[in-house]
């Protein structure tokens, strides 16, 4: 099996875990390639028992037969990896070196058992839908899509903004708020959840529109089909506003006309036995735990 190791930054506290991972990869005879900038950070701290190759970026995924893409970090690392993997279909395995980890499900204490399952082929590949941002003016370059969410937010002022919202061309509402979130089912456990949005199961075929601090208290999140096209016009007391796709952001103005639809391709995530979405929900949100018992 040929795999890519990707991470954004090396933290001192993680060095022992990363060393264990590379030792196990050599033991299980995986062919390993490491993202170039990350490899340079690793060299002074990690001993490689087996030679590793260098992975440069998206183009390499198209010309080399990689089987899997390992992300070391938290959910933010996987969101960044989505802009590299793009439409190649290479499945991503998230190894959680961060905090909550809804996407990076493999805990660092389970490295050996995880590699053993991969070696035996005991895993599934789960498809996650993404969203695509269309604009009358260019934004986000070659990667105008997101796995989690797109947000429109106020900037440079404490005043709320007005976001005129349409579904398939029909007027829905003008949100008076700090902003609005358009989240996929994957993103429903992120920013949308913290703003009162519902948890949506992957594969349910929905988007959720969640207002951020709405001025009208009777305005609530709504769930719509991901076959819909949601379009927006934004205005406020300042010229500039903020538009985000996952962890990336750009400045927009009221001249921008934006629309969100389902992306033409999704992202493949590795699912291991005993680490399903429901297992993750129970574990990360401590469902069923009663603090009165401690």
C-alpha atoms as a PDB file:
ATOM      1  CA  UNK A   1       0.000   0.000   0.000  1.00  0.00           C
ATOM      2  CA  UNK A   2       1.328   3.423  -0.985  1.00  0.00           C
ATOM      3  CA  UNK A   3       0.350   6.222   1.369  1.00  0.00           C
ATOM      4  CA  UNK A   4       0.896   9.940   1.799  1.00  0.00           C
ATOM      5  CA  UNK A   5       1.606  11.501   5.192  1.00  0.00           C
ATOM      6  CA  UNK A   6       0.325  15.064   5.445  1.00  0.00           C
ATOM      7  CA  UNK A   7       0.333  17.584   8.262  1.00  0.00           C
ATOM      8  CA  UNK A   8       0.537  21.346   8.569  1.00  0.00           C
ATOM      9  CA  UNK A   9       2.892  21.724  11.521  1.00  0.00           C
ATOM     10  CA  UNK A  10       5.071  19.612  13.821  1.00  0.00           C
ATOM     11  CA  UNK A  11       4.452  20.056  17.547  1.00  0.00           C
ATOM     12  CA  UNK A  12       7.038  18.917  20.066  1.00  0.00           C
ATOM     13  CA  UNK A  13       4.427  17.050  22.110  1.00  0.00           C
ATOM     14  CA  UNK A  14       3.615  14.856  19.091  1.00  0.00           C
ATOM     15  CA  UNK A  15       7.138  13.747  18.174  1.00  0.00           C
ATOM     16  CA  UNK A  16       6.979  10.443  20.082  1.00  0.00           C
ATOM     17  CA  UNK A  17       3.645   9.554  18.452  1.00  0.00           C
ATOM     18  CA  UNK A  18       4.944  10.403  14.987  1.00  0.00           C
ATOM     19  CA  UNK A  19       8.069   8.326  15.588  1.00  0.00           C
ATOM     20  CA  UNK A  20       5.867   5.385  16.580  1.00  0.00           C
ATOM     21  CA  UNK A  21       3.795   5.848  13.411  1.00  0.00           C
ATOM     22  CA  UNK A  22       6.820   5.748  11.101  1.00  0.00           C
ATOM     23  CA  UNK A  23       8.239   2.742  12.958  1.00  0.00           C
ATOM     24  CA  UNK A  24       4.946   0.900  12.428  1.00  0.00           C
ATOM     25  CA  UNK A  25       4.743   1.929   8.772  1.00  0.00           C
ATOM     26  CA  UNK A  26       8.194   0.407   8.239  1.00  0.00           C
ATOM     27  CA  UNK A  27       7.222  -2.730  10.198  1.00  0.00           C
ATOM     28  CA  UNK A  28       4.100  -3.242   8.079  1.00  0.00           C
ATOM     29  CA  UNK A  29       6.084  -2.488   4.908  1.00  0.00           C
ATOM     30  CA  UNK A  30       3.974   0.439   3.729  1.00  0.00           C
ATOM     31  CA  UNK A  31       5.445   2.593   0.956  1.00  0.00           C
ATOM     32  CA  UNK A  32       5.394   6.054   2.504  1.00  0.00           C
ATOM     33  CA  UNK A  33       5.589   9.525   0.993  1.00  0.00           C
ATOM     34  CA  UNK A  34       5.651  12.657   3.157  1.00  0.00           C
ATOM     35  CA  UNK A  35       4.469  16.147   2.300  1.00  0.00           C
ATOM     36  CA  UNK A  36       7.670  18.077   1.494  1.00  0.00           C
ATOM     37  CA  UNK A  37       7.507  20.996   3.969  1.00  0.00           C
ATOM     38  CA  UNK A  38       6.430  18.629   6.760  1.00  0.00           C
ATOM     39  CA  UNK A  39       9.249  16.203   5.957  1.00  0.00           C
ATOM     40  CA  UNK A  40      11.808  18.982   6.409  1.00  0.00           C
ATOM     41  CA  UNK A  41      10.373  19.649   9.866  1.00  0.00           C
ATOM     42  CA  UNK A  42      10.510  15.951  10.737  1.00  0.00           C
ATOM     43  CA  UNK A  43      14.084  15.172   9.687  1.00  0.00           C
ATOM     44  CA  UNK A  44      15.865  16.578  12.799  1.00  0.00           C
ATOM     45  CA  UNK A  45      13.434  14.791  15.148  1.00  0.00           C
ATOM     46  CA  UNK A  46      12.326  11.503  13.572  1.00  0.00           C
ATOM     47  CA  UNK A  47      14.370   8.442  12.557  1.00  0.00           C
ATOM     48  CA  UNK A  48      13.167   6.687   9.428  1.00  0.00           C
ATOM     49  CA  UNK A  49      13.789   2.935   9.504  1.00  0.00           C
ATOM     50  CA  UNK A  50      12.704   2.755   5.874  1.00  0.00           C
ATOM     51  CA  UNK A  51      13.279   5.338   3.170  1.00  0.00           C
ATOM     52  CA  UNK A  52      10.388   7.724   2.559  1.00  0.00           C
ATOM     53  CA  UNK A  53       9.534   9.600  -0.611  1.00  0.00           C
ATOM     54  CA  UNK A  54       8.570  13.236  -1.001  1.00  0.00           C
ATOM     55  CA  UNK A  55       5.048  14.318  -1.863  1.00  0.00           C
ATOM     56  CA  UNK A  56       4.695  17.770  -3.386  1.00  0.00           C
ATOM     57  CA  UNK A  57       0.989  18.469  -3.856  1.00  0.00           C
ATOM     58  CA  UNK A  58      -2.105  17.836  -5.935  1.00  0.00           C
ATOM     59  CA  UNK A  59      -0.234  17.076  -9.178  1.00  0.00           C
ATOM     60  CA  UNK A  60       1.598  14.171  -7.494  1.00  0.00           C
ATOM     61  CA  UNK A  61      -1.738  12.576  -6.620  1.00  0.00           C
ATOM     62  CA  UNK A  62      -2.580  12.447 -10.312  1.00  0.00           C
ATOM     63  CA  UNK A  63       0.674  10.916 -11.532  1.00  0.00           C
ATOM     64  CA  UNK A  64       1.432   8.416  -8.723  1.00  0.00           C
ATOM     65  CA  UNK A  65      -0.791   5.477  -7.666  1.00  0.00           C
ATOM     66  CA  UNK A  66      -1.390   6.433  -4.030  1.00  0.00           C
ATOM     67  CA  UNK A  67      -3.829   4.267  -2.078  1.00  0.00           C
ATOM     68  CA  UNK A  68      -4.473   6.422   0.983  1.00  0.00           C
ATOM     69  CA  UNK A  69      -3.861   9.909   2.392  1.00  0.00           C
ATOM     70  CA  UNK A  70      -2.973  10.083   6.115  1.00  0.00           C
ATOM     71  CA  UNK A  71      -3.715  13.404   7.840  1.00  0.00           C
ATOM     72  CA  UNK A  72      -1.921  14.001  11.147  1.00  0.00           C
ATOM     73  CA  UNK A  73      -3.599  16.687  13.230  1.00  0.00           C
ATOM     74  CA  UNK A  74      -7.174  17.727  13.821  1.00  0.00           C
ATOM     75  CA  UNK A  75     -10.215  18.337  11.664  1.00  0.00           C
ATOM     76  CA  UNK A  76      -8.642  21.529  10.309  1.00  0.00           C
ATOM     77  CA  UNK A  77      -5.829  19.473   8.778  1.00  0.00           C
ATOM     78  CA  UNK A  78      -8.371  17.351   6.895  1.00  0.00           C
ATOM     79  CA  UNK A  79     -10.173  20.468   5.667  1.00  0.00           C
ATOM     80  CA  UNK A  80      -6.882  21.747   4.295  1.00  0.00           C
ATOM     81  CA  UNK A  81      -6.110  18.338   2.785  1.00  0.00           C
ATOM     82  CA  UNK A  82      -9.397  18.481   0.854  1.00  0.00           C
ATOM     83  CA  UNK A  83      -7.915  21.297  -1.254  1.00  0.00           C
ATOM     84  CA  UNK A  84      -5.013  18.987  -2.182  1.00  0.00           C
ATOM     85  CA  UNK A  85      -6.868  15.705  -2.717  1.00  0.00           C
ATOM     86  CA  UNK A  86      -9.654  17.413  -4.717  1.00  0.00           C
ATOM     87  CA  UNK A  87     -11.396  15.062  -7.143  1.00  0.00           C
ATOM     88  CA  UNK A  88      -8.800  12.246  -7.147  1.00  0.00           C
ATOM     89  CA  UNK A  89     -10.982   9.994  -4.970  1.00  0.00           C
ATOM     90  CA  UNK A  90      -8.036   9.000  -2.754  1.00  0.00           C
ATOM     91  CA  UNK A  91      -9.453   8.150   0.696  1.00  0.00           C
ATOM     92  CA  UNK A  92      -8.327  10.191   3.693  1.00  0.00           C
ATOM     93  CA  UNK A  93      -7.544   8.718   7.110  1.00  0.00           C
ATOM     94  CA  UNK A  94      -7.478  11.249   9.943  1.00  0.00           C
ATOM     95  CA  UNK A  95      -5.175  10.549  12.910  1.00  0.00           C
ATOM     96  CA  UNK A  96      -6.236  12.866  15.701  1.00  0.00           C
ATOM     97  CA  UNK A  97      -3.415  14.906  17.228  1.00  0.00           C
ATOM     98  CA  UNK A  98      -5.806  17.779  17.906  1.00  0.00           C
ATOM     99  CA  UNK A  99      -8.750  18.126  20.270  1.00  0.00           C
ATOM    100  CA  UNK A 100     -12.333  17.133  19.423  1.00  0.00           C
ATOM    101  CA  UNK A 101     -11.810  15.380  16.100  1.00  0.00           C
ATOM    102  CA  UNK A 102     -15.116  14.558  14.390  1.00  0.00           C
ATOM    103  CA  UNK A 103     -13.242  13.866  11.130  1.00  0.00           C
ATOM    104  CA  UNK A 104      -9.863  12.833  12.522  1.00  0.00           C
ATOM    105  CA  UNK A 105     -11.305   9.807  14.272  1.00  0.00           C
ATOM    106  CA  UNK A 106      -8.253   7.599  14.860  1.00  0.00           C
ATOM    107  CA  UNK A 107      -6.774   8.318  18.283  1.00  0.00           C
ATOM    108  CA  UNK A 108      -3.002   8.170  18.676  1.00  0.00           C
ATOM    109  CA  UNK A 109      -3.309   5.224  21.068  1.00  0.00           C
ATOM    110  CA  UNK A 110      -4.718   3.070  18.239  1.00  0.00           C
ATOM    111  CA  UNK A 111      -1.935   3.302  15.651  1.00  0.00           C
ATOM    112  CA  UNK A 112      -0.926  -0.369  15.629  1.00  0.00           C
ATOM    113  CA  UNK A 113      -4.479  -1.695  15.502  1.00  0.00           C
ATOM    114  CA  UNK A 114      -5.324   0.798  12.747  1.00  0.00           C
ATOM    115  CA  UNK A 115      -2.414  -0.191  10.503  1.00  0.00           C
ATOM    116  CA  UNK A 116      -3.203  -3.837  11.107  1.00  0.00           C
ATOM    117  CA  UNK A 117      -6.796  -3.288   9.936  1.00  0.00           C
ATOM    118  CA  UNK A 118      -5.576  -1.432   6.857  1.00  0.00           C
ATOM    119  CA  UNK A 119      -3.118  -4.211   6.040  1.00  0.00           C
ATOM    120  CA  UNK A 120      -5.932  -6.754   6.268  1.00  0.00           C
ATOM    121  CA  UNK A 121      -8.263  -4.575   4.180  1.00  0.00           C
ATOM    122  CA  UNK A 122     -10.748  -4.285   7.020  1.00  0.00           C
ATOM    123  CA  UNK A 123     -12.032  -0.778   6.389  1.00  0.00           C
ATOM    124  CA  UNK A 124     -14.755   0.997   4.452  1.00  0.00           C
ATOM    125  CA  UNK A 125     -14.610   4.158   2.384  1.00  0.00           C
ATOM    126  CA  UNK A 126     -17.313   6.683   3.235  1.00  0.00           C
ATOM    127  CA  UNK A 127     -18.330   9.388   0.780  1.00  0.00           C
ATOM    128  CA  UNK A 128     -18.895  12.897   2.112  1.00  0.00           C
ATOM    129  CA  UNK A 129     -20.666  15.543   0.048  1.00  0.00           C
ATOM    130  CA  UNK A 130     -19.149  18.994  -0.437  1.00  0.00           C
ATOM    131  CA  UNK A 131     -20.471  22.384  -1.454  1.00  0.00           C
ATOM    132  CA  UNK A 132     -19.413  24.651  -4.293  1.00  0.00           C
ATOM    133  CA  UNK A 133     -19.390  28.455  -4.251  1.00  0.00           C
ATOM    134  CA  UNK A 134     -20.263  30.341  -7.424  1.00  0.00           C
ATOM    135  CA  UNK A 135     -19.641  34.067  -7.728  1.00  0.00           C
ATOM    136  CA  UNK A 136     -19.935  36.771 -10.342  1.00  0.00           C
ATOM    137  CA  UNK A 137     -16.404  37.827  -9.305  1.00  0.00           C
ATOM    138  CA  UNK A 138     -13.556  35.370  -8.811  1.00  0.00           C
ATOM    139  CA  UNK A 139     -13.082  34.083  -5.252  1.00  0.00           C
ATOM    140  CA  UNK A 140     -11.017  31.200  -3.828  1.00  0.00           C
ATOM    141  CA  UNK A 141      -9.158  30.519  -7.065  1.00  0.00           C
ATOM    142  CA  UNK A 142      -9.030  26.858  -8.135  1.00  0.00           C
ATOM    143  CA  UNK A 143     -10.664  25.545  -4.959  1.00  0.00           C
ATOM    144  CA  UNK A 144     -14.071  27.249  -4.514  1.00  0.00           C
ATOM    145  CA  UNK A 145     -15.495  24.311  -2.570  1.00  0.00           C
ATOM    146  CA  UNK A 146     -15.776  23.213   1.045  1.00  0.00           C
ATOM    147  CA  UNK A 147     -16.262  20.037   3.024  1.00  0.00           C
ATOM    148  CA  UNK A 148     -17.717  21.727   6.119  1.00  0.00           C
ATOM    149  CA  UNK A 149     -19.308  25.055   5.362  1.00  0.00           C
ATOM    150  CA  UNK A 150     -19.453  28.395   3.636  1.00  0.00           C
ATOM    151  CA  UNK A 151     -20.087  31.466   5.763  1.00  0.00           C
ATOM    152  CA  UNK A 152     -20.932  35.102   5.066  1.00  0.00           C
ATOM    153  CA  UNK A 153     -20.028  37.323   8.002  1.00  0.00           C
ATOM    154  CA  UNK A 154     -19.766  40.955   9.020  1.00  0.00           C
ATOM    155  CA  UNK A 155     -16.314  42.551   9.108  1.00  0.00           C
ATOM    156  CA  UNK A 156     -14.734  45.760  10.409  1.00  0.00           C
ATOM    157  CA  UNK A 157     -17.819  46.778  12.389  1.00  0.00           C
ATOM    158  CA  UNK A 158     -20.040  45.728  15.249  1.00  0.00           C
ATOM    159  CA  UNK A 159     -23.152  46.416  13.178  1.00  0.00           C
ATOM    160  CA  UNK A 160     -25.117  43.478  11.832  1.00  0.00           C
ATOM    161  CA  UNK A 161     -25.449  42.793   8.125  1.00  0.00           C
ATOM    162  CA  UNK A 162     -28.430  42.032   5.926  1.00  0.00           C
ATOM    163  CA  UNK A 163     -28.226  38.889   3.830  1.00  0.00           C
ATOM    164  CA  UNK A 164     -30.970  38.493   1.209  1.00  0.00           C
ATOM    165  CA  UNK A 165     -31.358  34.757   0.637  1.00  0.00           C
ATOM    166  CA  UNK A 166     -32.989  32.829  -2.207  1.00  0.00           C
ATOM    167  CA  UNK A 167     -33.542  29.107  -2.795  1.00  0.00           C
ATOM    168  CA  UNK A 168     -33.670  28.099  -6.469  1.00  0.00           C
ATOM    169  CA  UNK A 169     -34.370  31.723  -7.297  1.00  0.00           C
ATOM    170  CA  UNK A 170     -37.335  32.051  -4.914  1.00  0.00           C
ATOM    171  CA  UNK A 171     -37.004  34.570  -2.084  1.00  0.00           C
ATOM    172  CA  UNK A 172     -36.580  32.937   1.356  1.00  0.00           C
ATOM    173  CA  UNK A 173     -35.681  35.663   3.828  1.00  0.00           C
ATOM    174  CA  UNK A 174     -33.532  38.684   4.569  1.00  0.00           C
ATOM    175  CA  UNK A 175     -31.417  37.741   7.552  1.00  0.00           C
ATOM    176  CA  UNK A 176     -30.489  40.542   9.925  1.00  0.00           C
ATOM    177  CA  UNK A 177     -27.588  38.936  11.729  1.00  0.00           C
ATOM    178  CA  UNK A 178     -23.850  38.772  12.235  1.00  0.00           C
ATOM    179  CA  UNK A 179     -23.810  36.347   9.320  1.00  0.00           C
ATOM    180  CA  UNK A 180     -25.069  33.059   7.955  1.00  0.00           C
ATOM    181  CA  UNK A 181     -23.622  29.549   7.688  1.00  0.00           C
ATOM    182  CA  UNK A 182     -24.349  27.112   4.867  1.00  0.00           C
ATOM    183  CA  UNK A 183     -23.184  23.737   6.159  1.00  0.00           C
ATOM    184  CA  UNK A 184     -22.991  20.241   4.728  1.00  0.00           C
ATOM    185  CA  UNK A 185     -23.916  17.264   6.949  1.00  0.00           C
ATOM    186  CA  UNK A 186     -20.193  16.955   7.700  1.00  0.00           C
ATOM    187  CA  UNK A 187     -20.087  20.613   8.736  1.00  0.00           C
ATOM    188  CA  UNK A 188     -23.232  20.327  10.852  1.00  0.00           C
ATOM    189  CA  UNK A 189     -21.056  19.323  13.839  1.00  0.00           C
ATOM    190  CA  UNK A 190     -18.847  22.414  13.402  1.00  0.00           C
ATOM    191  CA  UNK A 191     -19.597  26.141  13.441  1.00  0.00           C
ATOM    192  CA  UNK A 192     -23.261  25.502  12.643  1.00  0.00           C
ATOM    193  CA  UNK A 193     -23.678  23.336  15.755  1.00  0.00           C
ATOM    194  CA  UNK A 194     -22.153  26.026  17.973  1.00  0.00           C
ATOM    195  CA  UNK A 195     -24.727  28.486  16.580  1.00  0.00           C
ATOM    196  CA  UNK A 196     -27.659  26.217  17.408  1.00  0.00           C
ATOM    197  CA  UNK A 197     -27.869  24.188  14.201  1.00  0.00           C
ATOM    198  CA  UNK A 198     -28.903  20.516  14.122  1.00  0.00           C
ATOM    199  CA  UNK A 199     -26.634  17.494  13.733  1.00  0.00           C
ATOM    200  CA  UNK A 200     -27.219  15.924  10.309  1.00  0.00           C
ATOM    201  CA  UNK A 201     -26.085  12.418   9.413  1.00  0.00           C
ATOM    202  CA  UNK A 202     -23.625  12.061   6.523  1.00  0.00           C
ATOM    203  CA  UNK A 203     -25.289  10.976   3.323  1.00  0.00           C
ATOM    204  CA  UNK A 204     -28.659  12.492   4.241  1.00  0.00           C
ATOM    205  CA  UNK A 205     -28.594  14.756   1.168  1.00  0.00           C
ATOM    206  CA  UNK A 206     -29.077  18.086   2.940  1.00  0.00           C
ATOM    207  CA  UNK A 207     -27.651  21.509   3.608  1.00  0.00           C
ATOM    208  CA  UNK A 208     -28.429  23.476   6.761  1.00  0.00           C
ATOM    209  CA  UNK A 209     -28.758  27.287   6.798  1.00  0.00           C
ATOM    210  CA  UNK A 210     -27.852  28.597  10.238  1.00  0.00           C
ATOM    211  CA  UNK A 211     -27.976  32.323  11.069  1.00  0.00           C
ATOM    212  CA  UNK A 212     -25.231  33.713  13.288  1.00  0.00           C
ATOM    213  CA  UNK A 213     -26.689  35.813  16.127  1.00  0.00           C
ATOM    214  CA  UNK A 214     -29.897  36.784  14.252  1.00  0.00           C
ATOM    215  CA  UNK A 215     -31.591  40.031  15.275  1.00  0.00           C
ATOM    216  CA  UNK A 216     -35.031  38.394  15.043  1.00  0.00           C
ATOM    217  CA  UNK A 217     -35.227  35.652  17.668  1.00  0.00           C
ATOM    218  CA  UNK A 218     -37.885  33.722  15.745  1.00  0.00           C
ATOM    219  CA  UNK A 219     -35.407  33.034  12.930  1.00  0.00           C
ATOM    220  CA  UNK A 220     -34.073  29.488  13.253  1.00  0.00           C
ATOM    221  CA  UNK A 221     -31.818  27.113  11.299  1.00  0.00           C
ATOM    222  CA  UNK A 222     -33.495  25.326   8.417  1.00  0.00           C
ATOM    223  CA  UNK A 223     -32.591  22.133   6.559  1.00  0.00           C
ATOM    224  CA  UNK A 224     -32.953  21.998   2.779  1.00  0.00           C
ATOM    225  CA  UNK A 225     -32.171  19.496   0.041  1.00  0.00           C
ATOM    226  CA  UNK A 226     -28.628  19.621  -1.302  1.00  0.00           C
ATOM    227  CA  UNK A 227     -30.167  19.633  -4.783  1.00  0.00           C
ATOM    228  CA  UNK A 228     -31.015  23.268  -4.086  1.00  0.00           C
ATOM    229  CA  UNK A 229     -29.073  26.314  -5.201  1.00  0.00           C
ATOM    230  CA  UNK A 230     -28.914  28.929  -2.444  1.00  0.00           C
ATOM    231  CA  UNK A 231     -28.029  32.457  -3.565  1.00  0.00           C
ATOM    232  CA  UNK A 232     -27.169  35.538  -1.540  1.00  0.00           C
ATOM    233  CA  UNK A 233     -26.874  39.289  -1.715  1.00  0.00           C
ATOM    234  CA  UNK A 234     -25.246  40.996   1.254  1.00  0.00           C
ATOM    235  CA  UNK A 235     -25.347  44.590   2.421  1.00  0.00           C
ATOM    236  CA  UNK A 236     -24.441  46.555   5.516  1.00  0.00           C
ATOM    237  CA  UNK A 237     -22.960  49.763   6.870  1.00  0.00           C
ATOM    238  CA  UNK A 238     -19.443  48.989   5.666  1.00  0.00           C
ATOM    239  CA  UNK A 239     -18.045  48.153   2.259  1.00  0.00           C
ATOM    240  CA  UNK A 240     -16.326  44.867   3.098  1.00  0.00           C
ATOM    241  CA  UNK A 241     -17.639  41.543   4.377  1.00  0.00           C
ATOM    242  CA  UNK A 242     -16.055  38.175   5.063  1.00  0.00           C
ATOM    243  CA  UNK A 243     -16.655  34.991   3.086  1.00  0.00           C
ATOM    244  CA  UNK A 244     -15.175  31.685   4.240  1.00  0.00           C
ATOM    245  CA  UNK A 245     -14.880  28.172   2.854  1.00  0.00           C
ATOM    246  CA  UNK A 246     -13.887  25.883   5.708  1.00  0.00           C
ATOM    247  CA  UNK A 247     -10.753  27.477   7.194  1.00  0.00           C
ATOM    248  CA  UNK A 248     -10.049  29.743   4.197  1.00  0.00           C
ATOM    249  CA  UNK A 249     -11.382  33.278   3.866  1.00  0.00           C
ATOM    250  CA  UNK A 250     -11.626  36.152   1.421  1.00  0.00           C
ATOM    251  CA  UNK A 251     -12.980  39.677   1.581  1.00  0.00           C
ATOM    252  CA  UNK A 252     -16.084  40.392  -0.480  1.00  0.00           C
ATOM    253  CA  UNK A 253     -18.292  43.425  -1.078  1.00  0.00           C
ATOM    254  CA  UNK A 254     -21.949  44.046  -1.853  1.00  0.00           C
ATOM    255  CA  UNK A 255     -21.011  43.845  -5.543  1.00  0.00           C
ATOM    256  CA  UNK A 256     -20.508  40.097  -5.157  1.00  0.00           C
ATOM    257  CA  UNK A 257     -23.466  37.877  -6.024  1.00  0.00           C
ATOM    258  CA  UNK A 258     -22.907  34.447  -4.480  1.00  0.00           C
ATOM    259  CA  UNK A 259     -24.572  31.071  -4.852  1.00  0.00           C
ATOM    260  CA  UNK A 260     -23.928  27.761  -3.110  1.00  0.00           C
ATOM    261  CA  UNK A 261     -24.744  24.362  -4.610  1.00  0.00           C
ATOM    262  CA  UNK A 262     -23.613  20.772  -4.188  1.00  0.00           C
ATOM    263  CA  UNK A 263     -20.096  20.198  -5.488  1.00  0.00           C
ATOM    264  CA  UNK A 264     -19.589  17.907  -8.470  1.00  0.00           C
ATOM    265  CA  UNK A 265     -17.352  15.605  -6.425  1.00  0.00           C
ATOM    266  CA  UNK A 266     -17.145  14.594  -2.784  1.00  0.00           C
ATOM    267  CA  UNK A 267     -14.426  13.506  -0.404  1.00  0.00           C
ATOM    268  CA  UNK A 268     -13.628   9.910   0.552  1.00  0.00           C
ATOM    269  CA  UNK A 269     -12.974   9.178   4.234  1.00  0.00           C
ATOM    270  CA  UNK A 270     -11.670   5.905   5.669  1.00  0.00           C
ATOM    271  CA  UNK A 271     -14.048   4.326   8.179  1.00  0.00           C
ATOM    272  CA  UNK A 272     -12.689   1.653  10.531  1.00  0.00           C
ATOM    273  CA  UNK A 273     -14.674  -0.916  12.530  1.00  0.00           C
ATOM    274  CA  UNK A 274     -15.880   0.577  15.801  1.00  0.00           C
ATOM    275  CA  UNK A 275     -15.247   4.173  14.717  1.00  0.00           C
ATOM    276  CA  UNK A 276     -18.455   5.007  12.860  1.00  0.00           C
ATOM    277  CA  UNK A 277     -20.181   8.400  12.852  1.00  0.00           C
ATOM    278  CA  UNK A 278     -22.505   7.265  15.655  1.00  0.00           C
ATOM    279  CA  UNK A 279     -19.566   5.979  17.702  1.00  0.00           C
ATOM    280  CA  UNK A 280     -17.869   9.339  17.232  1.00  0.00           C
ATOM    281  CA  UNK A 281     -20.976  11.273  18.297  1.00  0.00           C
ATOM    282  CA  UNK A 282     -21.369   9.257  21.483  1.00  0.00           C
ATOM    283  CA  UNK A 283     -17.692   9.474  22.335  1.00  0.00           C
ATOM    284  CA  UNK A 284     -16.953  13.098  21.463  1.00  0.00           C
ATOM    285  CA  UNK A 285     -20.207  14.528  22.866  1.00  0.00           C
ATOM    286  CA  UNK A 286     -20.216  12.214  25.908  1.00  0.00           C
ATOM    287  CA  UNK A 287     -23.750  11.021  25.266  1.00  0.00           C
ATOM    288  CA  UNK A 288     -24.901   8.690  28.012  1.00  0.00           C
ATOM    289  CA  UNK A 289     -22.259   9.915  30.463  1.00  0.00           C
ATOM    290  CA  UNK A 290     -23.676  11.050  33.787  1.00  0.00           C
ATOM    291  CA  UNK A 291     -21.295  13.225  35.774  1.00  0.00           C
ATOM    292  CA  UNK A 292     -23.252  12.403  38.926  1.00  0.00           C
ATOM    293  CA  UNK A 293     -21.580   9.003  38.764  1.00  0.00           C
ATOM    294  CA  UNK A 294     -18.085  10.488  39.166  1.00  0.00           C
END
